[in-house]
Amino acid sequence: MSIELLKELSETPGIPGREEQIRKIVQRELKGVVDKMTVDNLGNLIAFRKGTSKKPKKVMYSSHMDEIGFIVQYIDDKGFIVLDPCGGHDPRNTIVQRVKVLGRKELLGVVSWKCKPIHVQSDEDRKKSPSIDKVFVDLGLPVKEVKKVVSIGDPVVIHRDLEQYGNRVTGKALDNRTAVYTLIQALKRSKKNNEDTYAVFSVQEEVGLRGALVAAHQIAPDIGVALDTTLACDTPGVEPENAITRLGEGVGLTVKDGSLIADHDLYQEFQALARKKKLKHQPNLLSRGGTDGGAIQRAHDGAKTITLSLPTRFIHSSIETVDLSDLKAKIELTAAYMKGA
C-alpha cells in the first residue's frame, strides 16, 4: 500500500476551525471522482455522487479533517508563547515536542513545561506532574521578532513526520487523517454507488462533533457511516479485557461508544459484508469518546448509524500507530458498502 497521500495528510496542519489546507488536498484528490463538491458555512466539504438505484436512499459518510492542537493565547515579554488547547490533550504526551506555529509565516518551536531540569529539582519538584496550563513554546527568537510573525489566535500543531516501520505507520494526526484517506480511497475504488452518497469531510469534531451535526442537518440522511479511529490498548500494562481493539485484527465495527449506540441491523449488515468479502474485522466498544456518528444519528429526524473504526495505539499523541492491513480492510469494506456489494 502506497502511503504518500496518507503521509501528506498526516503532516499537513489542521486544528479545529483551521482545516483549510486539508480541505484543499481532498478537493484535489476527488476532482473528477464525484459529481460535485460544496463547502458549507462551517467549512465542511461535502462531496456528492448520485446513486444508480431508482429510489436511492441518502447515505452520509463522515470523516473529520481536524486534529488536536493549540491556539496562541499569550506572548510574554521574553517571547515565550502560552497555549490554549483545542481538543483532548494528555499533557504527558504534549511536553518535549517540536511544534509548528502558523503565523504570518511558519515557525518551528519546541514545547516544554514550567519546571526545572532534573539536575536541580528538589524532592518536592519531582512530585509535580505536567498540566496543560503550564506548557509553553520556545521559538528561539527575541520577543520583537516573535511578535512580527505571531499573533494571538494563531494555530499551533505538533510537528512530526509520518514513518513506516514493518507493516505499520506512526505519526501525528492519524486521528483522523487515516479516515480522510479511507473515504478518498473508497470513493475512488467504488467508482459508483447504489445509493445517493454524501461524503462529508467534517470540521471541528475534536471540540464537539460540530461539523458533522451541521452537515447532517443539511443532508437529512437515511443512513450514517462515520469513519474514525479507536483505541488499541493492546500494549504492556493494560489488562486484556480493556484492550478495546487490537492492531492487525481488522477494522473495528462499533457496537457503542461515548456518543452513540450503533444501529443493530446496520452493524449486522456490515458484519455480514465483511465476512462475505473475507475482510478481518473486530467489535469496538469504547466507553468514553465519541465520533461524528453521534451527531449524524441525532440530527434532523435521526438516521441509522454506525462508526467504522481503525485500531490505533498511542492515540492523541505524536506517535499514533496503525497497522496497514487494518487500514486496507477499512477501505475495502467502505468501498464495498458504497457499491452495494
Protein backbone atom coordinates (compact mmCIF):
# COMPACT_ATOMS: atom_id res chain seq x y z
CA MET A 1 0.00 0.00 0.00
CA SER A 2 1.37 3.41 -1.01
CA ILE A 3 1.41 5.85 1.89
CA GLU A 4 2.36 9.04 0.03
CA LEU A 5 -1.10 10.61 0.28
CA LEU A 6 -1.51 9.45 3.89
CA LYS A 7 1.86 11.00 4.71
CA GLU A 8 0.80 14.30 3.15
CA LEU A 9 -2.49 14.28 5.07
CA SER A 10 -0.79 13.42 8.36
CA GLU A 11 1.90 16.07 8.12
CA THR A 12 -0.35 18.89 6.88
CA PRO A 13 -1.66 21.02 9.77
CA GLY A 14 -5.35 21.48 10.51
CA ILE A 15 -6.61 22.22 14.02
CA PRO A 16 -10.35 22.66 14.71
CA GLY A 17 -11.61 25.65 12.76
CA ARG A 18 -8.49 25.79 10.56
CA GLU A 19 -8.89 22.75 8.32
CA GLU A 20 -8.50 24.64 5.03
CA GLN A 21 -5.20 23.01 3.99
CA ILE A 22 -6.65 19.51 4.43
CA ARG A 23 -9.77 20.53 2.53
CA LYS A 24 -7.66 21.62 -0.45
CA ILE A 25 -5.94 18.22 -0.58
CA VAL A 26 -9.31 16.43 -0.54
CA GLN A 27 -10.67 18.69 -3.30
CA ARG A 28 -7.62 17.93 -5.42
CA GLU A 29 -7.95 14.17 -4.91
CA LEU A 30 -11.69 14.00 -5.63
CA LYS A 31 -11.72 16.12 -8.77
CA GLY A 32 -13.49 14.02 -11.40
CA VAL A 33 -14.32 11.28 -8.88
CA VAL A 34 -17.61 12.74 -7.58
CA ASP A 35 -20.46 14.65 -9.23
CA LYS A 36 -19.98 17.82 -7.22
CA MET A 37 -18.28 19.29 -4.18
CA THR A 38 -19.56 22.10 -1.97
CA VAL A 39 -18.23 23.83 1.14
CA ASP A 40 -20.80 24.89 3.71
CA ASN A 41 -20.73 27.88 6.04
CA LEU A 42 -18.90 25.98 8.77
CA GLY A 43 -16.20 24.68 6.42
CA ASN A 44 -17.37 21.10 5.84
CA LEU A 45 -16.51 19.75 2.40
CA ILE A 46 -19.48 17.75 1.08
CA ALA A 47 -18.75 15.54 -1.94
CA PHE A 48 -21.84 14.14 -3.66
CA ARG A 49 -22.23 11.25 -6.09
CA LYS A 50 -25.64 10.26 -7.43
CA GLY A 51 -26.86 6.72 -6.79
CA THR A 52 -27.80 4.26 -9.52
CA SER A 53 -30.95 2.93 -7.78
CA LYS A 54 -34.39 4.04 -8.96
CA LYS A 55 -35.28 5.22 -5.48
CA PRO A 56 -31.93 5.79 -3.81
CA LYS A 57 -31.54 6.36 -0.08
CA LYS A 58 -29.29 9.08 1.24
CA VAL A 59 -26.12 7.72 2.84
CA MET A 60 -23.84 10.14 4.66
CA TYR A 61 -20.22 9.16 5.29
CA SER A 62 -18.25 11.44 7.58
CA SER A 63 -14.51 11.72 8.24
CA HIS A 64 -13.36 14.67 10.29
CA MET A 65 -10.42 16.68 8.98
CA ASP A 66 -9.27 18.33 12.20
CA GLU A 67 -6.54 17.25 14.60
CA ILE A 68 -5.93 18.18 18.22
CA GLY A 69 -3.70 21.23 18.56
CA PHE A 70 -3.40 24.61 20.19
CA ILE A 71 -4.06 28.30 19.70
CA VAL A 72 -1.64 31.07 20.71
CA GLN A 73 -3.11 32.58 23.88
CA TYR A 74 -0.34 34.93 25.02
CA ILE A 75 3.20 36.06 24.19
CA ASP A 76 5.25 37.00 27.24
CA ASP A 77 7.97 39.66 27.46
CA LYS A 78 10.68 37.10 26.62
CA GLY A 79 8.91 35.75 23.52
CA PHE A 80 7.63 32.51 25.06
CA ILE A 81 4.15 31.52 23.87
CA VAL A 82 1.39 30.36 26.20
CA LEU A 83 -1.03 27.91 24.59
CA ASP A 84 -4.78 27.34 24.67
CA PRO A 85 -5.65 23.70 23.85
CA CYS A 86 -8.02 22.62 21.07
CA GLY A 87 -9.15 19.07 21.68
CA GLY A 88 -8.30 16.46 24.29
CA HIS A 89 -4.64 16.59 25.27
CA ASP A 90 -2.77 14.44 27.76
CA PRO A 91 -0.10 16.89 29.00
CA ARG A 92 2.36 13.99 29.36
CA ASN A 93 2.13 13.48 25.59
CA THR A 94 2.48 17.19 24.86
CA ILE A 95 5.75 18.17 26.50
CA VAL A 96 9.20 17.75 24.94
CA GLN A 97 7.83 18.01 21.40
CA ARG A 98 8.54 20.07 18.33
CA VAL A 99 5.69 22.25 17.08
CA LYS A 100 4.85 24.48 14.16
CA VAL A 101 3.38 27.90 14.87
CA LEU A 102 1.37 29.04 11.86
CA GLY A 103 1.70 32.80 11.99
CA ARG A 104 2.45 35.16 9.12
CA LYS A 105 5.00 32.53 8.26
CA GLU A 106 5.55 29.02 9.62
CA LEU A 107 7.90 28.88 12.60
CA LEU A 108 9.44 25.81 14.24
CA GLY A 109 9.38 25.74 18.02
CA VAL A 110 9.71 23.39 20.97
CA VAL A 111 7.20 22.69 23.74
CA SER A 112 8.17 22.23 27.37
CA TRP A 113 6.51 22.97 30.69
CA LYS A 114 7.23 25.22 33.62
CA CYS A 115 9.70 23.12 35.58
CA LYS A 116 13.39 22.92 36.42
CA PRO A 117 15.77 20.39 34.82
CA ILE A 118 16.03 17.19 36.84
CA HIS A 119 19.60 18.08 37.90
CA VAL A 120 18.37 20.95 40.08
CA GLN A 121 14.95 19.71 41.13
CA SER A 122 14.09 19.38 44.79
CA ASP A 123 12.26 16.33 46.14
CA GLU A 124 9.08 18.42 46.08
CA ASP A 125 9.68 19.47 42.47
CA ARG A 126 9.93 15.82 41.41
CA LYS A 127 6.44 15.10 42.73
CA LYS A 128 4.87 17.61 40.37
CA SER A 129 3.12 16.47 37.20
CA PRO A 130 2.81 18.45 33.96
CA SER A 131 -0.51 20.16 33.32
CA ILE A 132 -1.79 21.62 30.10
CA ASP A 133 -1.90 25.15 31.54
CA LYS A 134 1.84 25.02 32.25
CA VAL A 135 3.12 24.22 28.75
CA PHE A 136 4.77 26.86 26.60
CA VAL A 137 6.53 27.21 23.25
CA ASP A 138 10.11 28.42 22.77
CA LEU A 139 10.64 29.76 19.23
CA GLY A 140 14.29 30.64 19.78
CA LEU A 141 13.63 34.27 18.85
CA PRO A 142 13.57 37.57 20.79
CA VAL A 143 10.14 38.89 21.64
CA LYS A 144 10.22 41.60 18.95
CA GLU A 145 10.86 39.03 16.24
CA VAL A 146 8.16 36.73 17.60
CA LYS A 147 5.54 39.49 17.62
CA LYS A 148 6.36 40.42 14.00
CA VAL A 149 5.22 36.96 12.91
CA VAL A 150 2.94 35.54 15.60
CA SER A 151 -0.43 36.87 16.77
CA ILE A 152 -2.91 35.85 19.43
CA GLY A 153 -5.19 33.22 17.86
CA ASP A 154 -2.63 31.66 15.52
CA PRO A 155 -2.76 27.83 15.25
CA VAL A 156 -0.07 25.59 16.72
CA VAL A 157 0.38 21.92 15.77
CA ILE A 158 2.73 19.15 16.80
CA HIS A 159 5.47 18.69 14.18
CA ARG A 160 6.18 15.04 13.38
CA ASP A 161 6.88 13.16 10.14
CA LEU A 162 4.92 10.04 9.24
CA GLU A 163 7.18 6.99 9.17
CA GLN A 164 6.60 3.37 8.20
CA TYR A 165 8.09 0.51 10.20
CA GLY A 166 7.22 -3.03 9.26
CA ASN A 167 3.56 -3.10 8.25
CA ARG A 168 2.74 -0.14 10.47
CA VAL A 169 2.91 3.61 10.23
CA THR A 170 3.39 6.11 13.04
CA GLY A 171 2.96 9.84 13.18
CA LYS A 172 0.69 12.64 14.31
CA ALA A 173 -2.96 13.25 13.36
CA LEU A 174 -3.67 9.69 12.25
CA ASP A 175 -6.82 10.51 14.21
CA ASN A 176 -8.41 11.26 11.84
CA ARG A 177 -6.38 11.63 8.64
CA THR A 178 -6.45 7.84 8.21
CA ALA A 179 -10.24 8.17 7.85
CA VAL A 180 -9.93 11.09 5.41
CA TYR A 181 -7.60 8.84 3.42
CA THR A 182 -10.07 5.94 3.72
CA LEU A 183 -13.01 7.94 2.38
CA ILE A 184 -10.98 9.33 -0.54
CA GLN A 185 -9.76 5.86 -1.50
CA ALA A 186 -13.20 4.26 -1.08
CA LEU A 187 -14.75 6.82 -3.44
CA LYS A 188 -12.01 6.17 -5.99
CA ARG A 189 -12.29 2.37 -5.75
CA SER A 190 -16.07 2.10 -5.73
CA LYS A 191 -16.41 4.34 -8.84
CA LYS A 192 -20.21 4.26 -8.49
CA ASN A 193 -22.77 3.68 -5.77
CA ASN A 194 -26.31 2.32 -5.50
CA GLU A 195 -27.47 4.97 -3.03
CA ASP A 196 -27.03 8.74 -3.13
CA THR A 197 -23.66 9.20 -1.48
CA TYR A 198 -22.71 12.25 0.57
CA ALA A 199 -19.06 12.05 1.58
CA VAL A 200 -18.56 14.66 4.28
CA PHE A 201 -15.09 15.79 5.31
CA SER A 202 -16.12 17.49 8.50
CA VAL A 203 -14.68 20.20 10.70
CA GLN A 204 -14.36 20.69 14.46
CA GLU A 205 -15.01 17.10 15.55
CA GLU A 206 -12.34 17.27 18.24
CA VAL A 207 -14.21 20.08 20.02
CA GLY A 208 -17.71 18.59 19.95
CA LEU A 209 -18.77 16.93 16.65
CA ARG A 210 -19.79 20.36 15.35
CA GLY A 211 -19.23 19.99 11.62
CA ALA A 212 -20.97 16.63 11.27
CA LEU A 213 -24.04 17.93 13.12
CA VAL A 214 -24.40 20.86 10.73
CA ALA A 215 -23.84 18.65 7.66
CA ALA A 216 -26.31 16.01 8.84
CA HIS A 217 -28.99 18.66 9.35
CA GLN A 218 -28.45 19.80 5.75
CA ILE A 219 -28.40 16.30 4.24
CA ALA A 220 -31.01 14.58 6.45
CA PRO A 221 -29.52 11.14 5.68
CA ASP A 222 -31.32 7.84 5.96
CA ILE A 223 -28.07 6.08 6.90
CA GLY A 224 -24.92 7.42 8.54
CA VAL A 225 -21.45 5.88 8.39
CA ALA A 226 -18.82 7.67 10.45
CA LEU A 227 -15.18 6.85 9.77
CA ASP A 228 -12.76 7.36 12.64
CA THR A 229 -10.10 5.79 14.83
CA THR A 230 -10.47 3.90 18.10
CA LEU A 231 -8.20 2.82 20.92
CA ALA A 232 -5.90 -0.16 20.56
CA CYS A 233 -4.74 -0.68 24.12
CA ASP A 234 -3.06 -3.99 23.31
CA THR A 235 0.17 -2.93 24.97
CA PRO A 236 2.01 -3.80 28.21
CA GLY A 237 0.30 -2.52 31.33
CA VAL A 238 -3.28 -2.86 30.08
CA GLU A 239 -5.49 -5.80 31.04
CA PRO A 240 -6.69 -7.85 28.03
CA GLU A 241 -10.33 -7.04 28.72
CA ASN A 242 -9.52 -3.34 28.43
CA ALA A 243 -7.69 -3.52 25.11
CA ILE A 244 -10.78 -2.17 23.23
CA THR A 245 -9.30 -3.32 19.87
CA ARG A 246 -6.05 -4.91 18.72
CA LEU A 247 -3.72 -3.97 15.89
CA GLY A 248 -3.73 -6.39 12.99
CA GLU A 249 -7.14 -7.85 13.83
CA GLY A 250 -9.02 -5.80 11.25
CA VAL A 251 -11.41 -2.86 11.02
CA GLY A 252 -13.40 -2.08 14.16
CA LEU A 253 -17.19 -2.28 13.87
CA THR A 254 -18.52 -0.02 16.59
CA VAL A 255 -21.14 -1.51 18.86
CA LYS A 256 -21.19 1.60 21.05
CA ASP A 257 -19.00 4.49 22.10
CA GLY A 258 -19.50 7.57 24.23
CA SER A 259 -21.61 9.30 21.59
CA LEU A 260 -23.77 6.57 20.02
CA ILE A 261 -25.12 3.05 20.17
CA ALA A 262 -24.86 1.70 16.63
CA ASP A 263 -27.99 0.58 14.80
CA HIS A 264 -28.07 -3.18 15.32
CA ASP A 265 -29.34 -4.06 11.82
CA LEU A 266 -26.65 -1.88 10.26
CA TYR A 267 -23.99 -3.46 12.47
CA GLN A 268 -25.07 -6.93 11.35
CA GLU A 269 -25.12 -5.79 7.71
CA PHE A 270 -21.52 -4.60 7.91
CA GLN A 271 -20.50 -7.73 9.78
CA ALA A 272 -22.05 -9.92 7.05
CA LEU A 273 -20.42 -7.85 4.31
CA ALA A 274 -17.01 -8.13 5.96
CA ARG A 275 -17.42 -11.91 6.16
CA LYS A 276 -18.55 -12.09 2.54
CA LYS A 277 -15.50 -10.12 1.40
CA LYS A 278 -13.23 -12.07 3.78
CA LEU A 279 -12.12 -8.87 5.49
CA LYS A 280 -10.77 -9.05 9.01
CA HIS A 281 -12.98 -7.20 11.49
CA GLN A 282 -13.49 -6.90 15.22
CA PRO A 283 -16.07 -5.36 17.58
CA ASN A 284 -15.32 -1.94 19.03
CA LEU A 285 -16.80 -0.98 22.42
CA LEU A 286 -15.49 2.32 23.71
CA SER A 287 -16.97 3.61 26.96
CA ARG A 288 -15.64 7.16 26.55
CA GLY A 289 -15.03 9.31 23.50
CA GLY A 290 -17.26 9.84 20.50
CA THR A 291 -17.28 10.26 16.75
CA ASP A 292 -19.22 12.08 14.05
CA GLY A 293 -21.63 9.14 14.21
CA GLY A 294 -23.07 10.53 17.42
CA ALA A 295 -24.01 13.76 15.63
CA ILE A 296 -25.37 12.07 12.49
CA GLN A 297 -27.56 9.71 14.48
CA ARG A 298 -29.36 12.55 16.30
CA ALA A 299 -29.60 15.18 13.56
CA HIS A 300 -32.81 16.13 11.76
CA ASP A 301 -35.21 13.14 12.03
CA GLY A 302 -32.41 10.74 13.02
CA ALA A 303 -30.53 8.17 10.96
CA LYS A 304 -29.49 4.54 11.24
CA THR A 305 -25.81 4.98 12.06
CA ILE A 306 -22.61 3.06 12.65
CA THR A 307 -18.94 4.01 13.03
CA LEU A 308 -16.16 2.12 11.27
CA SER A 309 -13.09 2.49 13.45
CA LEU A 310 -9.39 1.99 12.81
CA PRO A 311 -7.50 0.47 15.77
CA THR A 312 -4.84 2.98 16.83
CA ARG A 313 -2.15 2.77 19.50
CA PHE A 314 -0.96 5.83 21.46
CA ILE A 315 -3.93 7.91 20.34
CA HIS A 316 -3.89 11.70 20.74
CA SER A 317 -0.10 11.74 20.71
CA SER A 318 2.62 12.43 18.16
CA ILE A 319 3.32 8.70 17.72
CA GLU A 320 -0.15 7.39 16.85
CA THR A 321 0.35 3.98 15.26
CA VAL A 322 -1.85 1.92 12.92
CA ASP A 323 -1.47 -1.35 11.04
CA LEU A 324 -1.71 -1.03 7.26
CA SER A 325 -3.64 -4.30 6.98
CA ASP A 326 -6.38 -2.84 9.21
CA LEU A 327 -6.43 0.32 7.11
CA LYS A 328 -6.73 -1.71 3.91
CA ALA A 329 -9.63 -3.72 5.38
CA LYS A 330 -11.41 -0.49 6.35
CA ILE A 331 -11.01 0.97 2.84
CA GLU A 332 -12.24 -2.22 1.17
CA LEU A 333 -15.24 -2.55 3.50
CA THR A 334 -16.24 1.08 2.96
CA ALA A 335 -15.91 0.78 -0.82
CA ALA A 336 -17.90 -2.46 -0.87
CA TYR A 337 -20.72 -0.88 1.10
CA MET A 338 -20.75 2.10 -1.27
CA LYS A 339 -21.09 -0.19 -4.29
CA GLY A 340 -23.81 -2.20 -2.60
CA ALA A 341 -21.73 -5.35 -2.96
